[in-house]
Amino acid sequence: MHKLSDQYFDVSSLSDGTLRFICLATLLLQPTQKRPSPIILDEPELGLHPYAIAMWASMVKAAATETQIIISTQSPLLLDHFEPEDILVTELEDGATTLTRLQSSELEAWLEDYSLG
């Protein structure tokens, strides 16, 4: 309850982005032995504030040292928190899906003027 009020502040009072961040953070901050493996997430950044995306990306990096994490995203903002070697680009070529790992050495000139995202 709010101080000096009978009104409850419950989960329905939170924004969708706040709820999403709480769920995503809970997933990654569990003890390793209780964390699912692998973790596969589709566009987890949707609805998150840019600062929350930055915080969550650091949680992903920490959790990924002990758990395989696969994320699909179209967010330049989320990509900017990772290194090229962390990213696999998926393309459809001749009816087949190909995965290509980015290489810092090949992107060196590009990254002087642009961000990864």
C-alpha atoms as a PDB file:
ATOM      1  CA  MET A   1       0.000   0.000   0.000  1.00  0.00           C
ATOM      2  CA  HIS A   2       1.022   3.571  -0.527  1.00  0.00           C
ATOM      3  CA  LYS A   3       1.838   5.459   2.613  1.00  0.00           C
ATOM      4  CA  LEU A   4      -1.245   7.340   3.820  1.00  0.00           C
ATOM      5  CA  SER A   5      -3.443   5.600   1.231  1.00  0.00           C
ATOM      6  CA  ASP A   6      -5.629   2.492   1.008  1.00  0.00           C
ATOM      7  CA  GLN A   7      -4.693   1.998  -2.642  1.00  0.00           C
ATOM      8  CA  TYR A   8      -2.466  -0.947  -3.555  1.00  0.00           C
ATOM      9  CA  PHE A   9       0.444  -0.601  -5.945  1.00  0.00           C
ATOM     10  CA  ASP A  10       0.578  -3.937  -7.707  1.00  0.00           C
ATOM     11  CA  VAL A  11       1.915  -5.418 -10.930  1.00  0.00           C
ATOM     12  CA  SER A  12      -0.945  -3.950 -12.987  1.00  0.00           C
ATOM     13  CA  SER A  13       0.403  -0.503 -12.089  1.00  0.00           C
ATOM     14  CA  LEU A  14       3.707  -1.173 -13.885  1.00  0.00           C
ATOM     15  CA  SER A  15       4.398  -0.480 -17.555  1.00  0.00           C
ATOM     16  CA  ASP A  16       4.834  -3.322 -20.029  1.00  0.00           C
ATOM     17  CA  GLY A  17       8.494  -2.360 -20.457  1.00  0.00           C
ATOM     18  CA  THR A  18       9.096  -2.477 -16.706  1.00  0.00           C
ATOM     19  CA  LEU A  19       7.442  -5.881 -16.429  1.00  0.00           C
ATOM     20  CA  ARG A  20       9.435  -7.186 -19.392  1.00  0.00           C
ATOM     21  CA  PHE A  21      12.705  -5.948 -17.869  1.00  0.00           C
ATOM     22  CA  ILE A  22      11.899  -7.567 -14.520  1.00  0.00           C
ATOM     23  CA  CYS A  23      11.197 -10.901 -16.244  1.00  0.00           C
ATOM     24  CA  LEU A  24      14.320 -10.741 -18.427  1.00  0.00           C
ATOM     25  CA  ALA A  25      16.525  -9.733 -15.502  1.00  0.00           C
ATOM     26  CA  THR A  26      15.076 -12.525 -13.349  1.00  0.00           C
ATOM     27  CA  LEU A  27      15.841 -15.049 -16.087  1.00  0.00           C
ATOM     28  CA  LEU A  28      19.496 -14.000 -16.356  1.00  0.00           C
ATOM     29  CA  LEU A  29      20.203 -13.360 -12.671  1.00  0.00           C
ATOM     30  CA  GLN A  30      19.161 -16.816 -11.456  1.00  0.00           C
ATOM     31  CA  PRO A  31      21.917 -19.017 -10.053  1.00  0.00           C
ATOM     32  CA  THR A  32      23.595 -20.883 -12.924  1.00  0.00           C
ATOM     33  CA  GLN A  33      22.314 -24.287 -11.788  1.00  0.00           C
ATOM     34  CA  LYS A  34      18.706 -23.022 -11.890  1.00  0.00           C
ATOM     35  CA  ARG A  35      19.049 -21.156 -15.195  1.00  0.00           C
ATOM     36  CA  PRO A  36      17.723 -22.888 -18.314  1.00  0.00           C
ATOM     37  CA  SER A  37      20.227 -23.770 -20.996  1.00  0.00           C
ATOM     38  CA  PRO A  38      20.130 -22.762 -23.723  1.00  0.00           C
ATOM     39  CA  ILE A  39      18.174 -19.518 -23.374  1.00  0.00           C
ATOM     40  CA  ILE A  40      16.534 -18.492 -26.655  1.00  0.00           C
ATOM     41  CA  LEU A  41      14.851 -15.077 -26.898  1.00  0.00           C
ATOM     42  CA  ASP A  42      13.141 -13.344 -29.808  1.00  0.00           C
ATOM     43  CA  GLU A  43      13.460  -9.549 -29.775  1.00  0.00           C
ATOM     44  CA  PRO A  44      13.663  -9.246 -25.979  1.00  0.00           C
ATOM     45  CA  GLU A  45      14.419  -5.521 -26.206  1.00  0.00           C
ATOM     46  CA  LEU A  46      10.934  -4.589 -27.448  1.00  0.00           C
ATOM     47  CA  GLY A  47       9.312  -2.113 -25.086  1.00  0.00           C
ATOM     48  CA  LEU A  48      12.478  -1.491 -23.071  1.00  0.00           C
ATOM     49  CA  HIS A  49      13.873   1.963 -22.364  1.00  0.00           C
ATOM     50  CA  PRO A  50      17.301   2.496 -24.030  1.00  0.00           C
ATOM     51  CA  TYR A  51      18.998   2.567 -20.616  1.00  0.00           C
ATOM     52  CA  ALA A  52      17.283  -0.696 -19.661  1.00  0.00           C
ATOM     53  CA  ILE A  53      18.573  -2.236 -22.904  1.00  0.00           C
ATOM     54  CA  ALA A  54      22.115  -1.258 -21.925  1.00  0.00           C
ATOM     55  CA  MET A  55      21.710  -2.726 -18.438  1.00  0.00           C
ATOM     56  CA  TRP A  56      20.162  -5.916 -19.798  1.00  0.00           C
ATOM     57  CA  ALA A  57      22.916  -6.330 -22.420  1.00  0.00           C
ATOM     58  CA  SER A  58      25.501  -6.335 -19.628  1.00  0.00           C
ATOM     59  CA  MET A  59      23.476  -9.047 -17.849  1.00  0.00           C
ATOM     60  CA  VAL A  60      23.440 -11.086 -21.070  1.00  0.00           C
ATOM     61  CA  LYS A  61      27.222 -10.849 -21.388  1.00  0.00           C
ATOM     62  CA  ALA A  62      27.724 -11.938 -17.786  1.00  0.00           C
ATOM     63  CA  ALA A  63      25.281 -14.860 -18.038  1.00  0.00           C
ATOM     64  CA  ALA A  64      26.706 -15.951 -21.409  1.00  0.00           C
ATOM     65  CA  THR A  65      29.996 -16.892 -19.772  1.00  0.00           C
ATOM     66  CA  GLU A  66      28.235 -19.930 -18.271  1.00  0.00           C
ATOM     67  CA  THR A  67      25.021 -20.343 -20.299  1.00  0.00           C
ATOM     68  CA  GLN A  68      24.402 -20.471 -24.033  1.00  0.00           C
ATOM     69  CA  ILE A  69      22.173 -17.527 -24.958  1.00  0.00           C
ATOM     70  CA  ILE A  70      20.659 -17.081 -28.411  1.00  0.00           C
ATOM     71  CA  ILE A  71      18.930 -13.785 -29.163  1.00  0.00           C
ATOM     72  CA  SER A  72      17.286 -12.681 -32.382  1.00  0.00           C
ATOM     73  CA  THR A  73      16.995  -8.935 -32.802  1.00  0.00           C
ATOM     74  CA  GLN A  74      16.620  -6.154 -35.311  1.00  0.00           C
ATOM     75  CA  SER A  75      17.685  -3.544 -32.762  1.00  0.00           C
ATOM     76  CA  PRO A  76      20.774  -1.494 -33.625  1.00  0.00           C
ATOM     77  CA  LEU A  77      20.756  -0.238 -30.038  1.00  0.00           C
ATOM     78  CA  LEU A  78      21.038  -3.756 -28.595  1.00  0.00           C
ATOM     79  CA  LEU A  79      23.725  -4.770 -31.117  1.00  0.00           C
ATOM     80  CA  ASP A  80      25.853  -1.783 -30.130  1.00  0.00           C
ATOM     81  CA  HIS A  81      26.459  -3.393 -26.723  1.00  0.00           C
ATOM     82  CA  PHE A  82      28.222  -6.423 -28.199  1.00  0.00           C
ATOM     83  CA  GLU A  83      31.418  -7.201 -30.080  1.00  0.00           C
ATOM     84  CA  PRO A  84      31.307  -8.277 -33.742  1.00  0.00           C
ATOM     85  CA  GLU A  85      32.432 -11.805 -32.810  1.00  0.00           C
ATOM     86  CA  ASP A  86      29.353 -12.149 -30.583  1.00  0.00           C
ATOM     87  CA  ILE A  87      27.048 -11.747 -33.590  1.00  0.00           C
ATOM     88  CA  LEU A  88      25.887 -14.232 -36.186  1.00  0.00           C
ATOM     89  CA  VAL A  89      24.160 -12.753 -39.228  1.00  0.00           C
ATOM     90  CA  THR A  90      21.403 -14.920 -40.698  1.00  0.00           C
ATOM     91  CA  GLU A  91      20.706 -14.733 -44.424  1.00  0.00           C
ATOM     92  CA  LEU A  92      18.646 -16.699 -46.910  1.00  0.00           C
ATOM     93  CA  GLU A  93      20.809 -17.799 -49.842  1.00  0.00           C
ATOM     94  CA  ASP A  94      19.443 -20.016 -52.614  1.00  0.00           C
ATOM     95  CA  GLY A  95      16.644 -21.257 -50.381  1.00  0.00           C
ATOM     96  CA  ALA A  96      18.969 -22.154 -47.493  1.00  0.00           C
ATOM     97  CA  THR A  97      19.697 -20.303 -44.281  1.00  0.00           C
ATOM     98  CA  THR A  98      23.324 -19.348 -43.750  1.00  0.00           C
ATOM     99  CA  LEU A  99      24.949 -18.080 -40.561  1.00  0.00           C
ATOM    100  CA  THR A 100      28.024 -15.855 -40.713  1.00  0.00           C
ATOM    101  CA  ARG A 101      30.001 -14.730 -37.662  1.00  0.00           C
ATOM    102  CA  LEU A 102      31.131 -11.122 -37.900  1.00  0.00           C
ATOM    103  CA  GLN A 103      34.865 -10.402 -37.615  1.00  0.00           C
ATOM    104  CA  SER A 104      36.315  -7.243 -36.052  1.00  0.00           C
ATOM    105  CA  SER A 105      39.195  -7.236 -38.538  1.00  0.00           C
ATOM    106  CA  GLU A 106      36.795  -7.110 -41.506  1.00  0.00           C
ATOM    107  CA  LEU A 107      34.736  -4.306 -39.937  1.00  0.00           C
ATOM    108  CA  GLU A 108      37.619  -2.161 -38.667  1.00  0.00           C
ATOM    109  CA  ALA A 109      37.222   0.611 -41.261  1.00  0.00           C
ATOM    110  CA  TRP A 110      33.418   0.555 -40.949  1.00  0.00           C
ATOM    111  CA  LEU A 111      33.546   0.827 -37.161  1.00  0.00           C
ATOM    112  CA  GLU A 112      35.717   3.958 -37.361  1.00  0.00           C
ATOM    113  CA  ASP A 113      32.692   5.875 -38.720  1.00  0.00           C
ATOM    114  CA  TYR A 114      29.686   3.771 -37.680  1.00  0.00           C
ATOM    115  CA  SER A 115      28.484   1.678 -34.787  1.00  0.00           C
ATOM    116  CA  LEU A 116      27.945  -2.037 -35.031  1.00  0.00           C
ATOM    117  CA  GLY A 117      24.149  -1.604 -35.013  1.00  0.00           C
END
